[in-house]
Amino acid sequence: MVVASTKLTTKHQITIPSEIRRRLHLEAGDVLYLAIEDDHVVLRAARGGWTESTRGLGADLWRSQGGSAAVIEAERESWE
């Protein structure tokens, strides 16, 4: 695992260290996705478009609610 540090600027921006950019094959203009997992920020390259890059996010939330079908059914029942 590569560990690097960066500093938040006064404009709330960061620079991704060159070792990280090289390892992830990041280029200027690439879209990145940030997610909070527990108390960590996870940075992911949005390869293959937004849908591909976000696949599986929130799965734990759906499971904790009994699955997506249960959530949809509960929502539909609330309409009546």
PDB file of N, CA and C in Angstrom:
ATOM      1  N   MET A   1       0.845  -1.172   0.000  1.00  0.00           N
ATOM      2  CA  MET A   1       0.000   0.000   0.000  1.00  0.00           C
ATOM      3  C   MET A   1       0.891   1.237   0.000  1.00  0.00           C
ATOM      4  N   VAL A   2       0.560   2.196  -0.858  1.00  0.00           N
ATOM      5  CA  VAL A   2       1.288   3.452  -0.922  1.00  0.00           C
ATOM      6  C   VAL A   2       0.624   4.425   0.030  1.00  0.00           C
ATOM      7  N   VAL A   3       1.396   5.019   0.894  1.00  0.00           N
ATOM      8  CA  VAL A   3       0.879   6.020   1.818  1.00  0.00           C
ATOM      9  C   VAL A   3       1.590   7.330   1.520  1.00  0.00           C
ATOM     10  N   ALA A   4       0.837   8.375   1.344  1.00  0.00           N
ATOM     11  CA  ALA A   4       1.399   9.689   1.068  1.00  0.00           C
ATOM     12  C   ALA A   4       0.566  10.720   1.813  1.00  0.00           C
ATOM     13  N   SER A   5       1.097  11.897   1.943  1.00  0.00           N
ATOM     14  CA  SER A   5       0.332  12.955   2.597  1.00  0.00           C
ATOM     15  C   SER A   5       0.249  14.160   1.672  1.00  0.00           C
ATOM     16  N   THR A   6      -0.766  14.943   1.894  1.00  0.00           N
ATOM     17  CA  THR A   6      -0.958  16.173   1.147  1.00  0.00           C
ATOM     18  C   THR A   6      -1.599  17.178   2.086  1.00  0.00           C
ATOM     19  N   LYS A   7      -1.576  18.425   1.714  1.00  0.00           N
ATOM     20  CA  LYS A   7      -2.073  19.480   2.593  1.00  0.00           C
ATOM     21  C   LYS A   7      -3.259  20.179   1.942  1.00  0.00           C
ATOM     22  N   LEU A   8      -4.275  20.451   2.715  1.00  0.00           N
ATOM     23  CA  LEU A   8      -5.454  21.161   2.253  1.00  0.00           C
ATOM     24  C   LEU A   8      -5.104  22.643   2.134  1.00  0.00           C
ATOM     25  N   THR A   9      -5.363  23.240   0.959  1.00  0.00           N
ATOM     26  CA  THR A   9      -5.042  24.653   0.762  1.00  0.00           C
ATOM     27  C   THR A   9      -6.148  25.532   1.334  1.00  0.00           C
ATOM     28  N   THR A  10      -5.921  26.829   1.294  1.00  0.00           N
ATOM     29  CA  THR A  10      -6.940  27.774   1.781  1.00  0.00           C
ATOM     30  C   THR A  10      -8.193  27.739   0.920  1.00  0.00           C
ATOM     31  N   LYS A  11      -8.076  27.214  -0.310  1.00  0.00           N
ATOM     32  CA  LYS A  11      -9.241  27.054  -1.182  1.00  0.00           C
ATOM     33  C   LYS A  11      -9.843  25.664  -1.056  1.00  0.00           C
ATOM     34  N   HIS A  12      -9.430  24.920  -0.030  1.00  0.00           N
ATOM     35  CA  HIS A  12      -9.923  23.569   0.252  1.00  0.00           C
ATOM     36  C   HIS A  12      -9.623  22.592  -0.879  1.00  0.00           C
ATOM     37  N   GLN A  13      -8.455  22.722  -1.479  1.00  0.00           N
ATOM     38  CA  GLN A  13      -8.018  21.835  -2.547  1.00  0.00           C
ATOM     39  C   GLN A  13      -6.818  21.039  -2.067  1.00  0.00           C
ATOM     40  N   ILE A  14      -6.594  19.890  -2.715  1.00  0.00           N
ATOM     41  CA  ILE A  14      -5.405  19.091  -2.425  1.00  0.00           C
ATOM     42  C   ILE A  14      -4.697  18.764  -3.733  1.00  0.00           C
ATOM     43  N   THR A  15      -3.426  18.442  -3.628  1.00  0.00           N
ATOM     44  CA  THR A  15      -2.671  17.928  -4.766  1.00  0.00           C
ATOM     45  C   THR A  15      -2.449  16.451  -4.513  1.00  0.00           C
ATOM     46  N   ILE A  16      -2.748  15.639  -5.507  1.00  0.00           N
ATOM     47  CA  ILE A  16      -2.513  14.205  -5.374  1.00  0.00           C
ATOM     48  C   ILE A  16      -1.037  13.962  -5.663  1.00  0.00           C
ATOM     49  N   PRO A  17      -0.309  13.390  -4.721  1.00  0.00           N
ATOM     50  CA  PRO A  17       1.129  13.177  -4.905  1.00  0.00           C
ATOM     51  C   PRO A  17       1.429  12.360  -6.162  1.00  0.00           C
ATOM     52  N   SER A  18       2.564  12.639  -6.779  1.00  0.00           N
ATOM     53  CA  SER A  18       2.923  12.020  -8.056  1.00  0.00           C
ATOM     54  C   SER A  18       2.965  10.495  -7.979  1.00  0.00           C
ATOM     55  N   GLU A  19       3.441   9.922  -6.877  1.00  0.00           N
ATOM     56  CA  GLU A  19       3.492   8.459  -6.751  1.00  0.00           C
ATOM     57  C   GLU A  19       2.086   7.864  -6.841  1.00  0.00           C
ATOM     58  N   ILE A  20       1.127   8.505  -6.215  1.00  0.00           N
ATOM     59  CA  ILE A  20      -0.267   8.041  -6.264  1.00  0.00           C
ATOM     60  C   ILE A  20      -0.803   8.175  -7.684  1.00  0.00           C
ATOM     61  N   ARG A  21      -0.559   9.326  -8.327  1.00  0.00           N
ATOM     62  CA  ARG A  21      -1.032   9.526  -9.707  1.00  0.00           C
ATOM     63  C   ARG A  21      -0.453   8.482 -10.644  1.00  0.00           C
ATOM     64  N   ARG A  22       0.823   8.184 -10.491  1.00  0.00           N
ATOM     65  CA  ARG A  22       1.456   7.182 -11.359  1.00  0.00           C
ATOM     66  C   ARG A  22       0.861   5.800 -11.126  1.00  0.00           C
ATOM     67  N   ARG A  23       0.709   5.418  -9.869  1.00  0.00           N
ATOM     68  CA  ARG A  23       0.200   4.081  -9.554  1.00  0.00           C
ATOM     69  C   ARG A  23      -1.236   3.881 -10.028  1.00  0.00           C
ATOM     70  N   LEU A  24      -2.025   4.954  -9.992  1.00  0.00           N
ATOM     71  CA  LEU A  24      -3.425   4.868 -10.416  1.00  0.00           C
ATOM     72  C   LEU A  24      -3.633   5.277 -11.869  1.00  0.00           C
ATOM     73  N   HIS A  25      -2.551   5.640 -12.550  1.00  0.00           N
ATOM     74  CA  HIS A  25      -2.611   6.073 -13.956  1.00  0.00           C
ATOM     75  C   HIS A  25      -3.561   7.247 -14.136  1.00  0.00           C
ATOM     76  N   LEU A  26      -3.484   8.215 -13.222  1.00  0.00           N
ATOM     77  CA  LEU A  26      -4.348   9.389 -13.297  1.00  0.00           C
ATOM     78  C   LEU A  26      -3.729  10.438 -14.212  1.00  0.00           C
ATOM     79  N   GLU A  27      -4.580  11.080 -14.986  1.00  0.00           N
ATOM     80  CA  GLU A  27      -4.168  12.138 -15.901  1.00  0.00           C
ATOM     81  C   GLU A  27      -4.990  13.384 -15.597  1.00  0.00           C
ATOM     82  N   ALA A  28      -4.476  14.542 -16.020  1.00  0.00           N
ATOM     83  CA  ALA A  28      -5.228  15.787 -15.869  1.00  0.00           C
ATOM     84  C   ALA A  28      -6.575  15.640 -16.555  1.00  0.00           C
ATOM     85  N   GLY A  29      -7.624  16.063 -15.894  1.00  0.00           N
ATOM     86  CA  GLY A  29      -8.972  15.979 -16.448  1.00  0.00           C
ATOM     87  C   GLY A  29      -9.727  14.722 -16.069  1.00  0.00           C
ATOM     88  N   ASP A  30      -9.039  13.729 -15.479  1.00  0.00           N
ATOM     89  CA  ASP A  30      -9.739  12.520 -15.038  1.00  0.00           C
ATOM     90  C   ASP A  30     -10.748  12.883 -13.956  1.00  0.00           C
ATOM     91  N   VAL A  31     -11.863  12.176 -13.953  1.00  0.00           N
ATOM     92  CA  VAL A  31     -12.888  12.382 -12.932  1.00  0.00           C
ATOM     93  C   VAL A  31     -12.588  11.437 -11.777  1.00  0.00           C
ATOM     94  N   LEU A  32     -12.637  11.973 -10.571  1.00  0.00           N
ATOM     95  CA  LEU A  32     -12.395  11.185  -9.367  1.00  0.00           C
ATOM     96  C   LEU A  32     -13.646  11.224  -8.500  1.00  0.00           C
ATOM     97  N   TYR A  33     -13.864  10.148  -7.768  1.00  0.00           N
ATOM     98  CA  TYR A  33     -15.016  10.050  -6.886  1.00  0.00           C
ATOM     99  C   TYR A  33     -14.505   9.903  -5.462  1.00  0.00           C
ATOM    100  N   LEU A  34     -15.045  10.697  -4.546  1.00  0.00           N
ATOM    101  CA  LEU A  34     -14.677  10.623  -3.136  1.00  0.00           C
ATOM    102  C   LEU A  34     -15.830  10.020  -2.358  1.00  0.00           C
ATOM    103  N   ALA A  35     -15.518   9.081  -1.501  1.00  0.00           N
ATOM    104  CA  ALA A  35     -16.540   8.454  -0.666  1.00  0.00           C
ATOM    105  C   ALA A  35     -16.053   8.434   0.777  1.00  0.00           C
ATOM    106  N   ILE A  36     -16.978   8.506   1.694  1.00  0.00           N
ATOM    107  CA  ILE A  36     -16.646   8.383   3.108  1.00  0.00           C
ATOM    108  C   ILE A  36     -17.031   6.975   3.527  1.00  0.00           C
ATOM    109  N   GLU A  37     -16.077   6.230   4.011  1.00  0.00           N
ATOM    110  CA  GLU A  37     -16.301   4.872   4.510  1.00  0.00           C
ATOM    111  C   GLU A  37     -15.793   4.837   5.942  1.00  0.00           C
ATOM    112  N   ASP A  38     -16.720   4.693   6.870  1.00  0.00           N
ATOM    113  CA  ASP A  38     -16.429   4.812   8.301  1.00  0.00           C
ATOM    114  C   ASP A  38     -15.821   6.186   8.535  1.00  0.00           C
ATOM    115  N   ASP A  39     -14.587   6.251   9.012  1.00  0.00           N
ATOM    116  CA  ASP A  39     -13.961   7.550   9.236  1.00  0.00           C
ATOM    117  C   ASP A  39     -12.827   7.807   8.243  1.00  0.00           C
ATOM    118  N   HIS A  40     -12.927   7.187   7.053  1.00  0.00           N
ATOM    119  CA  HIS A  40     -11.906   7.341   6.021  1.00  0.00           C
ATOM    120  C   HIS A  40     -12.506   7.966   4.770  1.00  0.00           C
ATOM    121  N   VAL A  41     -11.695   8.731   4.062  1.00  0.00           N
ATOM    122  CA  VAL A  41     -12.077   9.230   2.749  1.00  0.00           C
ATOM    123  C   VAL A  41     -11.412   8.329   1.730  1.00  0.00           C
ATOM    124  N   VAL A  42     -12.195   7.794   0.810  1.00  0.00           N
ATOM    125  CA  VAL A  42     -11.689   6.895  -0.226  1.00  0.00           C
ATOM    126  C   VAL A  42     -11.798   7.602  -1.560  1.00  0.00           C
ATOM    127  N   LEU A  43     -10.708   7.636  -2.301  1.00  0.00           N
ATOM    128  CA  LEU A  43     -10.658   8.282  -3.598  1.00  0.00           C
ATOM    129  C   LEU A  43     -10.642   7.201  -4.673  1.00  0.00           C
ATOM    130  N   ARG A  44     -11.563   7.304  -5.628  1.00  0.00           N
ATOM    131  CA  ARG A  44     -11.631   6.320  -6.706  1.00  0.00           C
ATOM    132  C   ARG A  44     -11.631   7.036  -8.045  1.00  0.00           C
ATOM    133  N   ALA A  45     -10.944   6.462  -9.007  1.00  0.00           N
ATOM    134  CA  ALA A  45     -11.008   6.985 -10.365  1.00  0.00           C
ATOM    135  C   ALA A  45     -12.347   6.578 -10.962  1.00  0.00           C
ATOM    136  N   ALA A  46     -13.020   7.502 -11.625  1.00  0.00           N
ATOM    137  CA  ALA A  46     -14.335   7.232 -12.215  1.00  0.00           C
ATOM    138  C   ALA A  46     -14.149   6.673 -13.616  1.00  0.00           C
ATOM    139  N   ARG A  47     -13.599   5.491 -13.701  1.00  0.00           N
ATOM    140  CA  ARG A  47     -13.370   4.855 -15.003  1.00  0.00           C
ATOM    141  C   ARG A  47     -14.678   4.240 -15.500  1.00  0.00           C
ATOM    142  N   GLY A  48     -14.927   4.351 -16.776  1.00  0.00           N
ATOM    143  CA  GLY A  48     -16.121   3.750 -17.361  1.00  0.00           C
ATOM    144  C   GLY A  48     -17.381   4.558 -17.118  1.00  0.00           C
ATOM    145  N   GLY A  49     -17.259   5.788 -16.679  1.00  0.00           N
ATOM    146  CA  GLY A  49     -18.427   6.630 -16.470  1.00  0.00           C
ATOM    147  C   GLY A  49     -18.928   6.566 -15.040  1.00  0.00           C
ATOM    148  N   TRP A  50     -19.872   7.429 -14.762  1.00  0.00           N
ATOM    149  CA  TRP A  50     -20.401   7.573 -13.401  1.00  0.00           C
ATOM    150  C   TRP A  50     -21.049   6.289 -12.900  1.00  0.00           C
ATOM    151  N   THR A  51     -21.815   5.630 -13.729  1.00  0.00           N
ATOM    152  CA  THR A  51     -22.520   4.418 -13.311  1.00  0.00           C
ATOM    153  C   THR A  51     -21.547   3.339 -12.880  1.00  0.00           C
ATOM    154  N   GLU A  52     -20.533   3.086 -13.702  1.00  0.00           N
ATOM    155  CA  GLU A  52     -19.543   2.057 -13.373  1.00  0.00           C
ATOM    156  C   GLU A  52     -18.784   2.405 -12.103  1.00  0.00           C
ATOM    157  N   SER A  53     -18.415   3.672 -11.961  1.00  0.00           N
ATOM    158  CA  SER A  53     -17.582   4.056 -10.822  1.00  0.00           C
ATOM    159  C   SER A  53     -18.327   4.019  -9.496  1.00  0.00           C
ATOM    160  N   THR A  54     -19.652   4.115  -9.529  1.00  0.00           N
ATOM    161  CA  THR A  54     -20.426   4.122  -8.280  1.00  0.00           C
ATOM    162  C   THR A  54     -21.133   2.802  -8.009  1.00  0.00           C
ATOM    163  N   ARG A  55     -20.920   1.814  -8.868  1.00  0.00           N
ATOM    164  CA  ARG A  55     -21.573   0.516  -8.675  1.00  0.00           C
ATOM    165  C   ARG A  55     -21.207  -0.063  -7.309  1.00  0.00           C
ATOM    166  N   GLY A  56     -22.188  -0.468  -6.558  1.00  0.00           N
ATOM    167  CA  GLY A  56     -21.965  -1.097  -5.264  1.00  0.00           C
ATOM    168  C   GLY A  56     -21.924  -0.132  -4.090  1.00  0.00           C
ATOM    169  N   LEU A  57     -21.830   1.170  -4.358  1.00  0.00           N
ATOM    170  CA  LEU A  57     -21.828   2.117  -3.247  1.00  0.00           C
ATOM    171  C   LEU A  57     -23.203   2.116  -2.589  1.00  0.00           C
ATOM    172  N   GLY A  58     -23.241   2.118  -1.306  1.00  0.00           N
ATOM    173  CA  GLY A  58     -24.500   2.101  -0.576  1.00  0.00           C
ATOM    174  C   GLY A  58     -25.065   0.706  -0.373  1.00  0.00           C
ATOM    175  N   ALA A  59     -24.333  -0.313  -0.804  1.00  0.00           N
ATOM    176  CA  ALA A  59     -24.844  -1.682  -0.667  1.00  0.00           C
ATOM    177  C   ALA A  59     -25.114  -2.031   0.792  1.00  0.00           C
ATOM    178  N   ASP A  60     -24.245  -1.570   1.685  1.00  0.00           N
ATOM    179  CA  ASP A  60     -24.449  -1.846   3.110  1.00  0.00           C
ATOM    180  C   ASP A  60     -25.743  -1.213   3.608  1.00  0.00           C
ATOM    181  N   LEU A  61     -26.044  -0.019   3.133  1.00  0.00           N
ATOM    182  CA  LEU A  61     -27.274   0.662   3.532  1.00  0.00           C
ATOM    183  C   LEU A  61     -28.492  -0.133   3.077  1.00  0.00           C
ATOM    184  N   TRP A  62     -28.482  -0.581   1.812  1.00  0.00           N
ATOM    185  CA  TRP A  62     -29.608  -1.366   1.305  1.00  0.00           C
ATOM    186  C   TRP A  62     -29.767  -2.652   2.114  1.00  0.00           C
ATOM    187  N   ARG A  63     -28.651  -3.327   2.391  1.00  0.00           N
ATOM    188  CA  ARG A  63     -28.726  -4.576   3.172  1.00  0.00           C
ATOM    189  C   ARG A  63     -29.304  -4.320   4.554  1.00  0.00           C
ATOM    190  N   SER A  64     -28.896  -3.214   5.187  1.00  0.00           N
ATOM    191  CA  SER A  64     -29.384  -2.934   6.543  1.00  0.00           C
ATOM    192  C   SER A  64     -30.880  -2.636   6.554  1.00  0.00           C
ATOM    193  N   GLN A  65     -31.441  -2.274   5.406  1.00  0.00           N
ATOM    194  CA  GLN A  65     -32.866  -1.987   5.293  1.00  0.00           C
ATOM    195  C   GLN A  65     -33.658  -3.188   4.766  1.00  0.00           C
ATOM    196  N   GLY A  66     -33.001  -4.333   4.626  1.00  0.00           N
ATOM    197  CA  GLY A  66     -33.678  -5.544   4.169  1.00  0.00           C
ATOM    198  C   GLY A  66     -33.572  -5.775   2.680  1.00  0.00           C
ATOM    199  N   GLY A  67     -32.734  -5.017   2.008  1.00  0.00           N
ATOM    200  CA  GLY A  67     -32.564  -5.171   0.561  1.00  0.00           C
ATOM    201  C   GLY A  67     -33.359  -4.136  -0.208  1.00  0.00           C
ATOM    202  N   SER A  68     -32.951  -3.913  -1.445  1.00  0.00           N
ATOM    203  CA  SER A  68     -33.597  -2.871  -2.248  1.00  0.00           C
ATOM    204  C   SER A  68     -35.073  -3.167  -2.495  1.00  0.00           C
ATOM    205  N   ALA A  69     -35.426  -4.435  -2.711  1.00  0.00           N
ATOM    206  CA  ALA A  69     -36.825  -4.781  -2.959  1.00  0.00           C
ATOM    207  C   ALA A  69     -37.694  -4.421  -1.752  1.00  0.00           C
ATOM    208  N   ALA A  70     -37.194  -4.659  -0.540  1.00  0.00           N
ATOM    209  CA  ALA A  70     -37.951  -4.336   0.676  1.00  0.00           C
ATOM    210  C   ALA A  70     -38.130  -2.828   0.826  1.00  0.00           C
ATOM    211  N   VAL A  71     -37.096  -2.074   0.497  1.00  0.00           N
ATOM    212  CA  VAL A  71     -37.185  -0.611   0.595  1.00  0.00           C
ATOM    213  C   VAL A  71     -38.197  -0.082  -0.412  1.00  0.00           C
ATOM    214  N   ILE A  72     -38.153  -0.596  -1.634  1.00  0.00           N
ATOM    215  CA  ILE A  72     -39.096  -0.153  -2.663  1.00  0.00           C
ATOM    216  C   ILE A  72     -40.524  -0.514  -2.265  1.00  0.00           C
ATOM    217  N   GLU A  73     -40.728  -1.719  -1.768  1.00  0.00           N
ATOM    218  CA  GLU A  73     -42.066  -2.142  -1.339  1.00  0.00           C
ATOM    219  C   GLU A  73     -42.581  -1.262  -0.199  1.00  0.00           C
ATOM    220  N   ALA A  74     -41.730  -0.970   0.777  1.00  0.00           N
ATOM    221  CA  ALA A  74     -42.142  -0.107   1.891  1.00  0.00           C
ATOM    222  C   ALA A  74     -42.507   1.280   1.388  1.00  0.00           C
ATOM    223  N   GLU A  75     -41.753   1.796   0.435  1.00  0.00           N
ATOM    224  CA  GLU A  75     -42.057   3.112  -0.139  1.00  0.00           C
ATOM    225  C   GLU A  75     -43.403   3.079  -0.857  1.00  0.00           C
ATOM    226  N   ARG A  76     -43.653   2.038  -1.631  1.00  0.00           N
ATOM    227  CA  ARG A  76     -44.926   1.919  -2.348  1.00  0.00           C
ATOM    228  C   ARG A  76     -46.090   1.814  -1.376  1.00  0.00           C
ATOM    229  N   GLU A  77     -45.927   1.082  -0.286  1.00  0.00           N
ATOM    230  CA  GLU A  77     -46.997   0.953   0.710  1.00  0.00           C
ATOM    231  C   GLU A  77     -47.301   2.295   1.362  1.00  0.00           C
ATOM    232  N   SER A  78     -46.280   3.131   1.497  1.00  0.00           N
ATOM    233  CA  SER A  78     -46.503   4.440   2.126  1.00  0.00           C
ATOM    234  C   SER A  78     -47.332   5.370   1.254  1.00  0.00           C
ATOM    235  N   TRP A  79     -47.480   5.068  -0.018  1.00  0.00           N
ATOM    236  CA  TRP A  79     -48.253   5.892  -0.933  1.00  0.00           C
ATOM    237  C   TRP A  79     -49.745   5.690  -0.746  1.00  0.00           C
ATOM    238  N   GLU A  80     -50.138   4.562  -0.187  1.00  0.00           N
ATOM    239  CA  GLU A  80     -51.564   4.229  -0.080  1.00  0.00           C
ATOM    240  C   GLU A  80     -52.221   4.874   1.091  1.00  0.00           C
TER     241      GLU A  80
END
